[in-house]
Amino acid sequence: MIVEVHVITNAKKRELKLEGQYLKVKITAAPKEGKANTELIEFLAGFFGVRKSEVRIAKGEKEKWKLISLPINEEEFRRAVG
């Protein structure tokens, strides 16, 4: 499944919220040297219960808006995000 994600970096705490058709994800890392992308992948993998190697940034590696590939289906996604 491909999910559109809006990433907020330098947040006080990690959060994930469904905003219409996209996910708004707050992470604590700064967007330097790939640290924010690494934390994003770790956070999403933990949240959805998949391996980090299965979460892939399909588009927008250096942008706040990203397309993320997750190895789950629509039903599993909706169940996880509420």
C-alpha atoms as a PDB file:
ATOM      1  CA  MET A   1       0.000   0.000   0.000  1.00  0.00           C
ATOM      2  CA  ILE A   2       1.236   3.512  -0.824  1.00  0.00           C
ATOM      3  CA  VAL A   3       0.432   6.181   1.775  1.00  0.00           C
ATOM      4  CA  GLU A   4       0.881   9.939   1.491  1.00  0.00           C
ATOM      5  CA  VAL A   5       2.641  11.268   4.587  1.00  0.00           C
ATOM      6  CA  HIS A   6       3.197  14.820   5.813  1.00  0.00           C
ATOM      7  CA  VAL A   7       6.239  14.789   8.107  1.00  0.00           C
ATOM      8  CA  ILE A   8       6.751  17.327  10.897  1.00  0.00           C
ATOM      9  CA  THR A   9      10.336  17.228  12.192  1.00  0.00           C
ATOM     10  CA  ASN A  10      11.816  18.519  15.460  1.00  0.00           C
ATOM     11  CA  ALA A  11       8.595  17.717  17.354  1.00  0.00           C
ATOM     12  CA  LYS A  12       8.529  17.306  21.136  1.00  0.00           C
ATOM     13  CA  LYS A  13       7.107  13.794  20.807  1.00  0.00           C
ATOM     14  CA  ARG A  14       6.254  11.253  18.140  1.00  0.00           C
ATOM     15  CA  GLU A  15       2.658  11.274  16.908  1.00  0.00           C
ATOM     16  CA  LEU A  16       0.693   9.826  14.035  1.00  0.00           C
ATOM     17  CA  LYS A  17      -2.716  11.114  12.963  1.00  0.00           C
ATOM     18  CA  LEU A  18      -4.935  10.412   9.977  1.00  0.00           C
ATOM     19  CA  GLU A  19      -5.871  13.685   8.261  1.00  0.00           C
ATOM     20  CA  GLY A  20      -8.379  12.825   5.548  1.00  0.00           C
ATOM     21  CA  GLN A  21      -6.450  10.837   2.937  1.00  0.00           C
ATOM     22  CA  TYR A  22      -2.947  11.330   4.345  1.00  0.00           C
ATOM     23  CA  LEU A  23      -1.009  10.674   7.539  1.00  0.00           C
ATOM     24  CA  LYS A  24       0.436  13.513   9.575  1.00  0.00           C
ATOM     25  CA  VAL A  25       3.501  12.157  11.368  1.00  0.00           C
ATOM     26  CA  LYS A  26       5.487  14.071  13.964  1.00  0.00           C
ATOM     27  CA  ILE A  27       8.993  12.900  14.739  1.00  0.00           C
ATOM     28  CA  THR A  28      11.667  14.253  17.062  1.00  0.00           C
ATOM     29  CA  ALA A  29      14.679  14.061  14.724  1.00  0.00           C
ATOM     30  CA  ALA A  30      16.020  16.984  12.741  1.00  0.00           C
ATOM     31  CA  PRO A  31      15.970  16.729   8.933  1.00  0.00           C
ATOM     32  CA  LYS A  32      19.742  16.381   8.674  1.00  0.00           C
ATOM     33  CA  GLU A  33      21.878  13.566   7.282  1.00  0.00           C
ATOM     34  CA  GLY A  34      18.859  11.291   6.826  1.00  0.00           C
ATOM     35  CA  LYS A  35      18.089  11.136  10.553  1.00  0.00           C
ATOM     36  CA  ALA A  36      14.457  12.202  10.102  1.00  0.00           C
ATOM     37  CA  ASN A  37      13.873   9.590   7.390  1.00  0.00           C
ATOM     38  CA  THR A  38      15.452   6.897   9.548  1.00  0.00           C
ATOM     39  CA  GLU A  39      13.256   7.823  12.511  1.00  0.00           C
ATOM     40  CA  LEU A  40      10.179   8.002  10.269  1.00  0.00           C
ATOM     41  CA  ILE A  41      10.787   4.481   8.954  1.00  0.00           C
ATOM     42  CA  GLU A  42      11.421   3.130  12.466  1.00  0.00           C
ATOM     43  CA  PHE A  43       8.288   4.807  13.823  1.00  0.00           C
ATOM     44  CA  LEU A  44       6.023   3.629  10.994  1.00  0.00           C
ATOM     45  CA  ALA A  45       7.413   0.079  11.154  1.00  0.00           C
ATOM     46  CA  GLY A  46       6.745  -0.067  14.893  1.00  0.00           C
ATOM     47  CA  PHE A  47       3.301   1.493  14.581  1.00  0.00           C
ATOM     48  CA  PHE A  48       2.126  -0.900  11.849  1.00  0.00           C
ATOM     49  CA  GLY A  49       3.981  -3.938  13.233  1.00  0.00           C
ATOM     50  CA  VAL A  50       6.164  -4.581  10.210  1.00  0.00           C
ATOM     51  CA  ARG A  51       9.926  -4.814   9.665  1.00  0.00           C
ATOM     52  CA  LYS A  52      11.865  -1.615   8.987  1.00  0.00           C
ATOM     53  CA  SER A  53      13.167  -3.153   5.770  1.00  0.00           C
ATOM     54  CA  GLU A  54       9.566  -3.415   4.496  1.00  0.00           C
ATOM     55  CA  VAL A  55       8.869   0.323   4.879  1.00  0.00           C
ATOM     56  CA  ARG A  56      10.170   2.287   1.918  1.00  0.00           C
ATOM     57  CA  ILE A  57      10.140   5.949   0.934  1.00  0.00           C
ATOM     58  CA  ALA A  58       8.838   5.734  -2.637  1.00  0.00           C
ATOM     59  CA  LYS A  59       8.940   9.484  -3.300  1.00  0.00           C
ATOM     60  CA  GLY A  60       9.973  12.655  -1.479  1.00  0.00           C
ATOM     61  CA  GLU A  61      13.067  11.541   0.389  1.00  0.00           C
ATOM     62  CA  LYS A  62      14.145  15.169   0.869  1.00  0.00           C
ATOM     63  CA  GLU A  63      10.653  16.663   1.174  1.00  0.00           C
ATOM     64  CA  LYS A  64       8.108  17.067   3.979  1.00  0.00           C
ATOM     65  CA  TRP A  65       5.490  15.344   1.791  1.00  0.00           C
ATOM     66  CA  LYS A  66       6.393  11.742   1.065  1.00  0.00           C
ATOM     67  CA  LEU A  67       4.886   8.651  -0.478  1.00  0.00           C
ATOM     68  CA  ILE A  68       5.561   5.666   1.758  1.00  0.00           C
ATOM     69  CA  SER A  69       5.250   2.045   0.715  1.00  0.00           C
ATOM     70  CA  LEU A  70       3.884  -0.211   3.481  1.00  0.00           C
ATOM     71  CA  PRO A  71       3.383  -4.003   3.273  1.00  0.00           C
ATOM     72  CA  ILE A  72      -0.212  -3.846   4.527  1.00  0.00           C
ATOM     73  CA  ASN A  73      -3.615  -3.666   2.897  1.00  0.00           C
ATOM     74  CA  GLU A  74      -6.303  -0.978   3.200  1.00  0.00           C
ATOM     75  CA  GLU A  75      -8.196  -2.841   5.923  1.00  0.00           C
ATOM     76  CA  GLU A  76      -5.088  -3.286   8.095  1.00  0.00           C
ATOM     77  CA  PHE A  77      -4.226   0.384   7.582  1.00  0.00           C
ATOM     78  CA  ARG A  78      -7.694   1.602   8.646  1.00  0.00           C
ATOM     79  CA  ARG A  79      -7.687  -0.700  11.666  1.00  0.00           C
ATOM     80  CA  ALA A  80      -4.283   0.607  12.813  1.00  0.00           C
ATOM     81  CA  VAL A  81      -4.993   4.330  12.416  1.00  0.00           C
ATOM     82  CA  GLY A  82      -8.564   4.165  13.661  1.00  0.00           C
END
